[in-house]
Protein backbone atom coordinates (compact mmCIF):
# COMPACT_ATOMS: atom_id res chain seq x y z
CA MET A 1 87.18 139.10 44.99
CA ALA A 2 90.41 137.58 46.29
CA PHE A 3 93.67 139.44 45.80
CA SER A 4 95.60 136.89 43.76
CA VAL A 5 98.18 138.99 41.90
CA SER A 6 101.58 137.32 41.76
CA VAL A 7 104.81 139.19 42.53
CA GLU A 8 105.88 139.15 38.89
CA ASP A 9 102.46 140.24 37.66
CA PHE A 10 102.33 143.06 40.20
CA ILE A 11 105.72 144.35 39.06
CA LEU A 12 105.43 143.79 35.31
CA ASN A 13 101.73 144.24 34.54
CA THR A 14 99.98 146.27 37.25
CA PRO A 15 99.78 150.03 36.54
CA ILE A 16 100.88 152.52 39.17
CA TYR A 17 98.20 154.09 41.38
CA ARG A 18 95.82 151.17 40.89
CA PHE A 19 94.84 150.11 44.39
CA GLU A 20 94.10 146.44 44.95
CA GLU A 21 91.89 145.54 47.90
CA PHE A 22 92.85 142.63 50.16
CA THR A 23 91.43 140.72 53.15
CA TYR A 24 93.22 138.87 55.93
CA GLU A 25 92.91 135.69 53.83
CA ASP A 26 95.13 137.35 51.22
CA MET A 27 97.99 137.99 53.64
CA PRO A 28 100.39 135.35 52.22
CA ASN A 29 100.09 136.93 48.76
CA VAL A 30 100.35 140.52 50.03
CA ALA A 31 103.32 139.68 52.27
CA GLU A 32 105.16 138.01 49.42
CA ILE A 33 104.78 141.16 47.30
CA LEU A 34 105.88 143.48 50.11
CA PHE A 35 108.85 141.43 51.28
CA TYR A 36 109.83 139.42 48.21
CA GLU A 37 113.54 138.51 48.15
CA GLY A 38 113.65 136.29 45.09
CA ILE A 39 114.21 136.90 41.37
CA ILE A 40 112.17 138.14 38.40
CA ASP A 41 112.81 137.63 34.70
CA CYS A 42 112.15 140.61 32.45
CA TYR A 43 113.60 142.99 29.88
CA CYS A 44 116.59 145.08 30.94
CA VAL A 45 116.31 148.47 29.26
CA GLU A 46 120.05 149.10 29.60
CA CYS A 47 121.26 145.65 28.48
CA LYS A 48 118.54 145.80 25.80
CA ARG A 49 117.80 142.12 26.26
CA ASN A 50 115.94 139.77 28.57
CA SER A 51 117.63 139.30 31.93
CA THR A 52 117.22 138.06 35.50
CA PHE A 53 116.89 140.56 38.34
CA HIS A 54 117.63 139.80 41.99
CA ALA A 55 115.84 141.58 44.83
CA VAL A 56 118.09 143.68 47.05
CA LYS A 57 117.55 142.12 50.46
CA ASN A 58 117.51 145.35 52.43
CA GLY A 59 114.86 146.83 50.15
CA ARG A 60 112.00 146.25 52.56
CA GLY A 61 111.23 149.78 53.74
CA GLY A 62 111.97 151.34 57.10
CA TYR A 63 110.18 151.62 60.41
CA PRO A 64 107.34 150.84 61.14
CA LEU A 65 107.47 148.07 58.53
CA VAL A 66 110.44 146.46 60.28
CA GLU A 67 108.11 144.93 62.87
CA ILE A 68 105.77 143.63 60.20
CA TYR A 69 108.74 142.28 58.25
CA ASN A 70 109.99 140.46 61.36
CA THR A 71 106.55 138.92 61.81
CA TYR A 72 106.76 137.74 58.24
CA VAL A 73 110.24 136.26 58.68
CA ASN A 74 109.28 134.56 61.95
CA ALA A 75 106.46 132.87 60.09
CA GLY A 76 109.10 131.18 57.94
CA ASN A 77 107.91 132.96 54.82
CA VAL A 78 110.96 134.80 53.47
CA ARG A 79 110.75 133.31 49.99
CA GLY A 80 107.12 132.38 49.62
CA PRO A 81 104.05 131.18 51.47
CA HIS A 82 105.54 128.11 53.21
CA PHE A 83 103.96 128.08 56.66
CA ALA A 84 105.20 124.83 58.16
CA GLY A 85 104.49 124.75 61.88
CA VAL A 86 102.82 128.18 61.86
CA ASP A 87 99.35 128.99 63.17
CA LEU A 88 98.26 130.31 59.79
CA GLN A 89 94.98 131.89 60.86
CA ASN A 90 96.57 133.85 63.71
CA TRP A 91 99.49 134.87 61.48
CA LYS A 92 97.20 136.19 58.73
CA GLN A 93 94.97 138.03 61.17
CA GLY A 94 97.96 139.55 62.99
CA LEU A 95 99.60 140.78 59.80
CA TYR A 96 96.28 142.10 58.50
CA ASP A 97 95.69 144.03 61.74
CA SER A 98 99.24 145.47 61.57
CA LEU A 99 98.87 146.66 57.98
CA THR A 100 95.39 148.12 58.42
CA ASN A 101 95.92 149.97 61.70
CA GLY A 102 95.37 153.38 60.12
CA GLU A 103 99.00 154.15 59.21
CA LEU A 104 100.34 154.64 55.71
CA TYR A 105 103.06 152.14 54.90
CA PHE A 106 105.60 152.81 52.16
CA VAL A 107 107.87 150.03 50.87
CA ASN A 108 110.81 150.62 48.56
CA LYS A 109 111.87 147.60 46.51
CA GLU A 110 114.98 147.36 44.37
CA PHE A 111 116.07 144.67 41.93
CA THR A 112 119.48 144.49 40.23
CA CYS A 113 120.35 142.93 36.88
CA THR A 114 122.58 139.86 37.09
CA ARG A 115 124.61 141.16 34.13
CA ASP A 116 125.31 144.56 35.68
CA GLU A 117 124.37 145.57 39.22
CA GLU A 118 124.13 149.20 38.12
CA HIS A 119 121.08 148.25 36.04
CA LYS A 120 118.13 148.41 38.41
CA ILE A 121 114.36 148.19 38.73
CA VAL A 122 113.07 150.43 41.51
CA LEU A 123 109.54 150.18 42.94
CA ASN A 124 107.56 152.10 45.54
CA TYR A 125 104.55 150.46 47.19
CA LEU A 126 101.90 152.05 49.37
CA VAL A 127 99.61 150.21 51.79
CA LYS A 128 96.63 152.33 52.78
CA GLY A 129 94.05 150.59 54.93
CA ASN A 130 93.24 147.31 53.25
CA LYS A 131 94.54 148.39 49.84
CA ILE A 132 97.94 148.14 48.19
CA ALA A 133 99.28 149.92 45.11
CA LYS A 134 102.46 150.75 43.29
CA VAL A 135 102.97 154.52 43.50
CA GLY A 136 106.28 154.64 41.65
CA GLN A 137 108.29 152.52 39.21
CA TYR A 138 111.48 152.84 37.19
CA PRO A 139 111.83 151.82 34.41
CA SER A 140 108.19 152.23 33.39
CA LEU A 141 105.96 149.31 32.47
CA ALA A 142 106.07 150.44 28.86
CA ASP A 143 109.88 150.22 28.86
CA LEU A 144 109.85 146.79 30.53
CA ASN A 145 107.40 145.52 27.89
CA GLN A 146 109.57 146.57 24.95
CA LEU A 147 111.16 143.13 24.55
CA ASP A 148 107.76 141.47 24.32
CA ILE A 149 106.42 143.74 21.58
CA ARG A 150 109.55 144.54 19.56
CA LYS A 151 109.10 141.38 17.49
CA TYR A 152 105.78 142.74 16.16
CA ARG A 153 107.58 145.36 14.09
CA LYS A 154 107.66 142.69 11.38
CA VAL A 155 103.86 142.53 11.12
CA LEU A 156 102.85 146.09 12.02
CA SER A 157 103.50 149.32 10.17
CA LYS A 158 105.82 151.76 11.94
CA GLU A 159 102.82 153.93 12.85
CA LYS A 160 100.82 151.03 14.31
CA TYR A 161 103.81 149.67 16.22
CA LEU A 162 104.22 153.07 17.88
CA GLU A 163 100.50 153.12 18.68
CA PHE A 164 100.76 149.68 20.28
CA SER A 165 103.66 150.95 22.39
CA LYS A 166 101.68 154.09 23.32
CA GLY A 167 98.72 151.98 24.42
CA ILE A 168 100.94 150.01 26.78
CA GLY A 169 102.48 153.25 28.01
CA LEU A 170 99.08 154.79 28.78
CA SER A 171 98.03 151.68 30.66
CA SER A 172 101.19 151.79 32.76
CA HIS A 173 100.29 155.34 33.79
CA GLY A 174 96.74 154.46 34.77
CA VAL A 175 94.97 155.64 31.59
CA GLY A 176 92.73 152.71 30.70
CA VAL A 177 90.30 154.21 28.18
CA GLY A 178 93.07 155.86 26.17
CA ALA A 179 94.98 152.56 26.12
CA PHE A 180 91.88 150.85 24.72
CA VAL A 181 91.71 153.43 21.91
CA TYR A 182 95.17 152.41 20.69
CA LEU A 183 94.43 148.68 20.93
CA ARG A 184 91.25 149.15 18.91
CA ARG A 185 93.24 150.98 16.24
CA ILE A 186 95.54 147.96 15.99
CA PHE A 187 92.53 145.66 15.62
CA GLU A 188 91.00 147.87 12.91
CA TYR A 189 94.35 148.01 11.11
CA LEU A 190 94.43 144.21 10.92
CA ILE A 191 90.92 144.15 9.42
CA GLN A 192 91.78 146.84 6.86
CA GLU A 193 94.99 145.00 5.94
CA ALA A 194 93.03 141.79 5.37
CA TYR A 195 90.43 143.68 3.31
CA ASP A 196 93.11 145.19 1.06
CA LYS A 197 94.50 141.70 0.51
CA ALA A 198 91.04 140.25 -0.16
CA LYS A 199 90.24 142.86 -2.81
CA SER A 200 93.12 141.58 -4.95
CA SER A 201 91.64 138.09 -4.95
CA PRO A 202 89.63 137.22 -8.10
CA ASP A 203 87.01 135.46 -5.98
CA TRP A 204 86.33 138.41 -3.70
CA VAL A 205 82.80 139.83 -3.67
CA ASP A 206 82.57 143.15 -1.83
CA ASN A 207 78.87 143.07 -0.89
CA ASP A 208 78.90 146.60 0.55
CA PHE A 209 81.78 145.70 2.88
CA SER A 210 82.28 149.21 4.31
CA ASN A 211 78.74 149.30 5.73
CA LYS A 212 78.93 145.94 7.48
CA ARG A 213 79.19 145.62 11.25
CA MET A 214 82.65 144.59 12.49
CA ASP A 215 81.47 141.08 13.27
CA GLU A 216 80.20 140.68 9.71
CA LYS A 217 83.40 142.13 8.26
CA ILE A 218 85.50 139.62 10.16
CA LEU A 219 83.39 136.66 9.06
CA SER A 220 83.52 137.77 5.41
CA LEU A 221 87.33 138.04 5.69
CA LYS A 222 87.86 134.82 7.63
CA ASP A 223 90.04 133.33 4.86
CA PHE A 224 92.38 136.33 5.06
CA LEU A 225 92.61 136.76 8.84
CA PRO A 226 94.41 134.87 11.62
CA GLN A 227 92.18 132.11 12.93
CA TYR A 228 92.54 133.35 16.50
CA LEU A 229 91.14 136.75 15.51
CA VAL A 230 88.13 135.18 13.79
CA GLU A 231 87.42 132.92 16.77
CA ASN A 232 87.87 135.79 19.25
CA ARG A 233 86.29 138.63 17.27
CA LYS A 234 84.47 139.67 20.46
CA ILE A 235 87.71 141.46 21.39
CA TYR A 236 86.55 144.35 19.23
CA GLY A 237 83.26 144.60 21.13
CA ILE A 238 85.15 144.63 24.45
CA LEU A 239 87.43 147.41 23.22
CA SER A 240 84.53 149.50 21.92
CA LYS A 241 82.54 149.08 25.11
CA GLY A 242 85.61 150.07 27.10
CA ILE A 243 86.07 153.26 25.08
CA HIS A 244 82.44 154.34 25.25
CA GLU A 245 81.03 152.93 28.48
CA LEU A 246 83.55 151.52 30.95
CA SER A 247 85.46 153.35 33.67
CA GLU A 248 89.22 153.87 33.73
CA GLU A 249 89.49 151.35 36.56
CA VAL A 250 87.61 148.60 34.71
CA CYS A 251 89.58 149.22 31.51
CA LEU A 252 92.85 148.95 33.43
CA LYS A 253 91.80 145.63 34.97
CA ILE A 254 90.83 144.24 31.57
CA PHE A 255 93.75 145.72 29.61
CA PRO A 256 96.35 142.95 30.22
CA HIS A 257 93.90 140.30 28.99
CA VAL A 258 92.84 142.22 25.88
CA LYS A 259 96.47 143.09 25.14
CA LEU A 260 97.31 139.39 25.33
CA GLY A 261 94.51 138.68 22.84
CA ILE A 262 95.98 141.22 20.41
CA GLU A 263 99.44 139.70 20.89
CA LEU A 264 98.13 136.22 20.11
CA ILE A 265 96.66 137.56 16.86
CA LEU A 266 100.00 139.16 16.01
CA ASP A 267 101.85 135.98 17.02
CA GLU A 268 99.83 134.05 14.44
CA LYS A 269 100.65 136.61 11.74
CA LEU A 270 104.31 136.52 12.78
CA TYR A 271 104.39 132.73 12.58
CA GLU A 272 102.93 132.79 9.05
CA LEU A 273 105.38 135.48 7.94
CA GLU A 274 108.39 133.60 9.33
CA ARG A 275 107.13 130.37 7.78
CA GLU A 276 106.86 132.05 4.36
CA GLU A 277 110.38 133.46 4.74
CA LYS A 278 111.74 130.01 5.61
CA LEU A 279 109.92 128.42 2.64
CA LYS A 280 111.37 130.99 0.25
CA ALA A 281 114.88 130.67 1.67
CA THR A 282 114.74 126.87 1.60
CA LYS A 283 113.43 126.83 -1.97
CA VAL A 284 116.32 129.00 -3.19
CA THR A 285 118.90 126.92 -1.28
CA LEU A 286 117.54 123.59 -2.51
CA GLU A 287 117.50 124.83 -6.09
CA LYS A 288 121.16 125.83 -5.78
CA ILE A 289 122.06 122.47 -4.25
CA HIS A 290 120.15 120.64 -6.97
CA ALA A 291 121.84 122.67 -9.71
CA SER A 292 125.33 122.07 -8.25
CA LEU A 293 124.70 118.31 -8.05
CA LEU A 294 123.58 118.19 -11.66
CA ASP A 295 126.67 120.14 -12.74
CA ASP A 296 128.80 117.47 -11.11
């Protein structure tokens, strides 16, 4: 499988100590991660808001990576894989041979916030043979993801919001199965919430709901659940299989995709909640406007 992780994805989504294997064909992608000198957009834990971070240009590690870095620069690839006039095959093979010569290569990367240069993201990469991994990161992935999930406080209980945050935190520390446990709890919470709502409906027929399989529960609650959840109810099966059968490594690879599925479900609930709030607010305002016009 090709190593196709982008710089931003490697920094913001890839857990530490998860080694990604690469071949010489993947050299442009690997080199861009190792020697990236551009910007990333993410949450700043000190500004407590989304921000832009610039790479510190001397954050490329010391000897013996200087030679490899110079090879990279000479290929005209300081800011991305633009290889005009370069013998690409020879360049990839040469860089691959340099990285996989039996040495351990450590790269320290540093990014500074455009609002305050004292606010930093610090990363440590390790190249071992034909594998690359993050072996250190500050702030943690869980901290960097806080902006993305904070909005879900509106549609999750305090307990479930904390569990969602814990799941992300476990994933960022290389604990895939444990992270799946927390995501499954979120999924089950959404089903229980819909069930409690359904029971108050005069048309609801229980039909031994508690003994149904999850797939059957979701279908019976389809009028009370986000459409995305109903259409992608297989997420629960993936989470359960991960908890009971899959390895930590496989769970970690799958986690970002399953997490995104959960977020899309929550996004739909959030949209409906905000829409209801706007409808209520508009109704009150229009009634006041109407009453004032009649008084005139």
